[in-house]
Structures are given as structure tokens and as C-alpha cells.
Protein backbone atom coordinates (compact mmCIF):
# COMPACT_ATOMS: atom_id res chain seq x y z
CA MET A 1 23.88 42.71 23.69
CA ARG A 2 24.70 39.49 25.47
CA ARG A 3 20.99 38.69 25.89
CA THR A 4 20.43 39.24 22.17
CA ALA A 5 23.30 36.92 21.30
CA LEU A 6 21.90 34.22 23.59
CA LEU A 7 18.45 34.58 22.01
CA ILE A 8 19.87 34.24 18.50
CA GLY A 9 21.87 31.20 19.57
CA ALA A 10 18.77 29.56 21.05
CA LEU A 11 16.78 30.17 17.86
CA LEU A 12 19.56 28.66 15.75
CA LEU A 13 19.66 25.61 18.02
CA LEU A 14 15.90 25.13 17.70
CA ALA A 15 16.17 25.44 13.93
CA VAL A 16 18.76 22.67 13.85
CA LEU A 17 16.89 20.36 16.21
CA ALA A 18 13.41 20.93 14.76
CA PRO A 19 12.18 18.22 12.37
CA ARG A 20 12.11 19.27 8.74
CA ALA A 21 8.90 19.03 6.72
CA ALA A 22 10.69 17.21 3.92
CA GLN A 23 11.58 14.44 6.34
CA ALA A 24 8.03 13.97 7.57
CA VAL A 25 6.25 10.81 6.50
CA PRO A 26 3.25 12.18 4.56
CA ILE A 27 0.85 9.21 4.82
CA LEU A 28 1.88 6.24 6.99
CA ASP A 29 3.26 6.60 10.46
CA GLU A 30 6.26 4.56 11.53
CA ALA A 31 4.26 1.69 13.04
CA ASP A 32 1.93 1.32 10.06
CA GLY A 33 4.83 1.43 7.63
CA ALA A 34 6.68 -1.26 9.56
CA GLU A 35 3.61 -3.51 9.67
CA LEU A 36 2.96 -3.13 5.94
CA ALA A 37 6.61 -3.83 5.11
CA GLN A 38 6.53 -6.93 7.29
CA SER A 39 3.39 -8.20 5.55
CA LEU A 40 4.97 -7.68 2.14
CA ALA A 41 8.17 -9.39 3.29
CA GLU A 42 6.16 -12.45 4.28
CA ALA A 43 4.44 -12.45 0.89
CA THR A 44 7.83 -12.21 -0.83
CA GLU A 45 9.09 -15.19 1.14
CA GLU A 46 6.11 -17.24 0.02
CA GLN A 47 5.78 -16.06 -3.59
CA ASP A 48 9.35 -15.11 -4.57
CA VAL A 49 8.07 -11.72 -5.76
CA CYS A 50 9.30 -8.45 -4.25
CA TYR A 51 6.74 -5.79 -3.34
CA GLY A 52 6.88 -2.13 -2.44
CA TRP A 53 5.18 1.24 -2.49
CA GLU A 54 6.37 4.71 -3.46
CA VAL A 55 3.85 7.54 -3.14
CA GLU A 56 4.91 11.15 -3.61
CA VAL A 57 2.89 13.81 -1.79
CA GLN A 58 3.00 17.41 -3.01
CA ASP A 59 1.24 20.01 -0.88
CA GLN A 60 1.15 23.36 -2.66
CA SER A 61 -0.39 24.97 0.42
CA GLY A 62 2.82 24.46 2.38
CA GLY A 63 1.88 21.32 4.29
CA PRO A 64 4.17 18.33 4.79
CA GLY A 65 5.19 16.54 1.64
CA GLY A 66 7.73 14.06 0.44
CA VAL A 67 7.82 10.44 -0.63
CA ASP A 68 6.20 7.72 1.44
CA ALA A 69 8.13 4.58 0.52
CA GLY A 70 8.68 1.10 1.83
CA SER A 71 8.99 -2.43 0.59
CA SER A 72 9.48 -6.05 1.42
CA GLN A 73 13.12 -5.06 1.95
CA GLY A 74 12.16 -2.93 4.93
CA PRO A 75 10.06 0.02 6.17
CA GLY A 76 11.18 3.31 4.67
CA VAL A 77 13.29 1.42 2.12
CA ALA A 78 12.40 1.91 -1.53
CA LEU A 79 12.54 -1.38 -3.38
CA ASP A 80 15.92 -2.08 -4.99
CA ARG A 81 14.82 -3.52 -8.33
CA ALA A 82 18.31 -4.86 -9.04
CA ARG A 83 17.96 -7.28 -6.12
CA CYS A 84 14.62 -8.65 -7.30
CA PRO A 85 14.20 -10.93 -10.33
CA ARG A 86 10.44 -10.30 -10.09
CA TYR A 87 8.70 -7.36 -8.50
CA ALA A 88 5.55 -5.24 -8.31
CA VAL A 89 5.61 -1.73 -6.87
CA LEU A 90 2.69 0.58 -6.20
CA ARG A 91 3.54 4.06 -7.51
CA GLY A 92 1.42 7.06 -6.66
CA LEU A 93 1.24 10.84 -6.80
CA VAL A 94 -0.94 12.96 -4.51
CA VAL A 95 -1.21 16.72 -5.13
CA TYR A 96 -2.91 19.08 -2.69
CA THR A 97 -3.51 22.48 -4.28
CA SER A 98 -3.61 25.79 -2.45
CA GLU A 99 -6.90 27.50 -1.64
CA THR A 100 -6.26 30.13 -4.30
CA ALA A 101 -5.57 27.61 -7.05
CA GLU A 102 -8.21 26.96 -9.70
CA SER A 103 -7.37 23.27 -10.01
CA GLU A 104 -8.58 20.70 -7.50
CA ASP A 105 -6.67 18.17 -5.45
CA GLY A 106 -5.74 15.09 -7.43
CA ALA A 107 -4.20 11.66 -7.11
CA GLU A 108 -3.13 8.88 -9.45
CA VAL A 109 -1.64 5.44 -9.03
CA ALA A 110 0.24 3.01 -11.24
CA ILE A 111 1.88 -0.36 -10.71
CA GLU A 112 5.45 -0.80 -11.87
CA SER A 113 6.28 -4.44 -12.49
CA ASN A 114 8.41 -6.74 -14.62
CA LEU A 115 5.95 -9.62 -14.38
CA ARG A 116 4.50 -11.08 -17.56
CA ASN A 117 0.96 -10.50 -16.28
CA PRO A 118 1.35 -7.59 -13.87
CA PRO A 119 -1.43 -6.22 -11.68
CA THR A 120 -3.03 -2.99 -12.88
CA PRO A 121 -4.91 -0.05 -11.35
CA GLU A 122 -8.02 -1.58 -12.91
CA ASP A 123 -7.46 -4.66 -10.74
CA LEU A 124 -7.33 -2.41 -7.70
CA ALA A 125 -10.56 -0.74 -8.80
CA ARG A 126 -12.17 -4.17 -9.04
CA LEU A 127 -11.40 -4.54 -5.34
CA GLY A 128 -12.97 -1.15 -4.61
CA LEU A 129 -9.64 0.70 -4.32
CA SER A 130 -8.90 3.88 -6.27
CA ALA A 131 -6.38 6.71 -6.32
CA ASP A 132 -9.01 9.11 -4.97
CA ASP A 133 -8.92 7.17 -1.70
CA LEU A 134 -5.49 8.70 -1.10
CA LEU A 135 -7.17 12.10 -0.82
CA SER A 136 -9.48 11.03 1.99
CA GLU A 137 -8.96 11.27 5.72
CA THR A 138 -8.25 7.53 5.70
CA ASP A 139 -5.42 7.82 3.17
CA ASP A 140 -3.24 5.64 5.39
CA ILE A 141 -5.76 2.80 5.20
CA ALA A 142 -6.09 3.27 1.43
CA LEU A 143 -2.34 3.05 0.90
CA THR A 144 -2.06 0.00 3.14
CA ASP A 145 -4.90 -1.75 1.31
CA MET A 146 -3.58 -0.99 -2.17
CA ALA A 147 -0.02 -2.06 -1.46
CA GLY A 148 -1.23 -5.02 0.55
CA ALA A 149 -3.45 -6.18 -2.32
CA LEU A 150 -0.49 -6.67 -4.67
CA PRO A 151 0.32 -10.26 -3.56
CA LEU A 152 -3.30 -11.31 -4.09
CA LEU A 153 -3.49 -9.73 -7.54
CA VAL A 154 -0.19 -11.32 -8.55
CA ALA A 155 -1.52 -14.71 -7.46
CA GLU A 156 -4.80 -14.17 -9.32
CA ALA A 157 -2.82 -13.48 -12.50
CA GLY A 158 -1.10 -16.84 -12.14
CA GLU A 159 2.32 -15.31 -11.45
CA ALA A 160 2.62 -16.80 -7.96
CA ARG A 161 0.77 -19.08 -5.62
CA PHE A 162 -1.75 -17.84 -3.11
CA ILE A 163 -0.45 -17.32 0.39
CA PRO A 164 -1.67 -20.23 2.55
CA PHE A 165 -3.89 -19.55 5.53
CA GLU A 166 -2.36 -20.21 8.93
CA ALA A 167 -4.76 -19.89 11.85
CA GLN A 168 -3.67 -17.78 14.79
CA THR A 169 -3.88 -20.08 17.81
CA GLU A 170 -3.63 -17.30 20.38
CA PRO A 171 -4.95 -13.75 20.17
CA LEU A 172 -2.33 -11.03 19.87
CA ALA A 173 -1.91 -8.91 22.95
CA ALA A 174 -2.29 -5.16 22.59
CA GLY A 175 0.87 -3.60 21.26
CA ASP A 176 2.28 -6.82 19.81
CA VAL A 177 4.19 -6.48 16.56
CA PRO A 178 3.73 -8.78 13.56
CA THR A 179 5.37 -12.18 13.90
CA ASN A 180 7.75 -13.70 11.41
CA THR A 181 5.35 -16.50 10.51
CA PRO A 182 4.94 -16.45 6.71
CA GLY A 183 1.44 -15.54 5.57
CA SER A 184 -0.26 -15.18 8.94
CA ASP A 185 0.13 -11.42 9.41
CA TRP A 186 -0.74 -10.70 5.78
CA LEU A 187 -3.99 -12.63 6.06
CA ARG A 188 -4.89 -11.07 9.39
CA THR A 189 -4.47 -7.62 7.88
CA PHE A 190 -5.98 -8.26 4.43
CA TRP A 191 -8.41 -11.12 5.16
CA TRP A 192 -11.15 -9.42 3.14
CA LEU A 193 -9.19 -9.61 -0.12
CA PRO A 194 -9.27 -13.44 -0.48
CA VAL A 195 -12.93 -13.40 0.59
CA LEU A 196 -13.71 -10.84 -2.12
CA ALA A 197 -11.81 -12.91 -4.69
CA VAL A 198 -13.74 -16.08 -3.78
CA LEU A 199 -17.07 -14.23 -4.01
CA GLY A 200 -16.07 -12.93 -7.44
CA VAL A 201 -15.28 -16.46 -8.66
CA LEU A 202 -18.58 -17.79 -7.29
CA ALA A 203 -20.51 -14.99 -9.01
CA LEU A 204 -18.77 -15.80 -12.29
CA LEU A 205 -19.60 -19.51 -11.97
CA PHE A 206 -23.23 -18.71 -11.16
CA ALA A 207 -23.51 -16.45 -14.22
CA LEU A 208 -21.93 -19.13 -16.41
CA ALA A 209 -24.32 -21.81 -15.11
CA SER A 210 -27.31 -19.55 -15.77
CA PHE A 211 -26.11 -18.92 -19.31
CA VAL A 212 -25.73 -22.66 -19.98
CA ARG A 213 -29.23 -23.38 -18.64
CA ARG A 214 -30.73 -20.73 -20.91
CA ARG A 215 -28.94 -22.18 -23.92
CA ARG A 216 -30.24 -25.67 -23.15
CA ALA A 217 -33.81 -24.55 -22.50
CA PRO A 218 -36.25 -25.49 -25.32
CA ALA A 219 -37.33 -22.63 -27.54
């Protein structure tokens, strides 16, 4: 009888101490969430626009779910809109169906913003980023890229200035965390976004020049 009571007590203790699935971060781990929040905080300091992400994960097969959230106000902190005169937040929903379900897994994203010319999911698609990327094995990279692209898209829309480039004079040692230097960590993480934007502008100028030459050519 005493042994049974001890066993029940041990099981209850394990149930209390065990992490709950609802508390599990469904996409980003703690380090990645902190790095993304730091990058967005630096962009906010430069552009005076608050940024964040809120992605709900629903796993109908019983896997970990919940809301992966963070913002320029901190990792794991959903953006407080009341504290931000201007903001842009990546919103997403990821649904994993059970094996017996007829429907397939699905994902969708939207951008909540009070800017006059807010970024859109179509802008993300132009950068090669889509909601379906959140269903892949690299969903953490997809979420980081989509949320991290918001400052660039806001700048492209003329709502804020581009974040200036600041060269890193010394390489970061392994395990170093992002610094508090505005712009540097964002550009190190998302360097390909400005490059892609510049290439897009050059392609547009080339197409325009070709059109003008054809118009001026004698019939």
C-alpha cells in the first residue's frame, strides 16, 4: 500500500514538472526567436516602425501547437499595438491534419499594419517567400525570413528609410549573440534581401531602356 502511494506521488510530481505541449514553441527555438526579435528591434530604432510576428500552429495529430510570437519589443512578446504609432506584424496560421483526415496540411499568412502603404503577402511572394514554406522542414528559416523582410518591404513602399549598411570590422566568435549596433545584425542575417531588391530595380531599368530604344527605332 505504501509502495503504491509512493508510485502515485511520483507520477503526480512528474506530471507537474513535465513541460506542457501548449507551452512549447512550435517553430522557432529560444535562440532563433531572440535573434529575430533583436533584428526587428534594431530596425524599429532606425525606422520608427514596430515589427512582430504571430503564427498559430494547430496540429490535429496531437503534436505540439500554440502561438509562436515575438516582436521588436522582445522575444516571446506579442507586439503591443497601443505602444506603436506605426507597425507591421506578420500573422500566420499553420494547420497539420491527422493521417485519417481527408484534407491536407495548410498554411496562410497575412500582414497586419496601420501603415498607409503596408507590405502584403504578394510582396513576400515577390521575394520568393510563401505561406507553404511554413510547412517545410525549414519552417524556422521561412518564418525568420518573412518576418525579417518586413523592414525592407516597408522601406520599399516609402514608409521608412532603408537601414544603412555598417560593415562588421571583426568576425563574430562562435556563440556570440547579436550586438546592439543598429542595422548591423539585421543586414548580416538578411543581406540577400537588399541584394534582391537592387537586382529587381536594375531589371526594371533595363526593361524600360529596351522599351525606349524600340520606340525610337525607325519603322
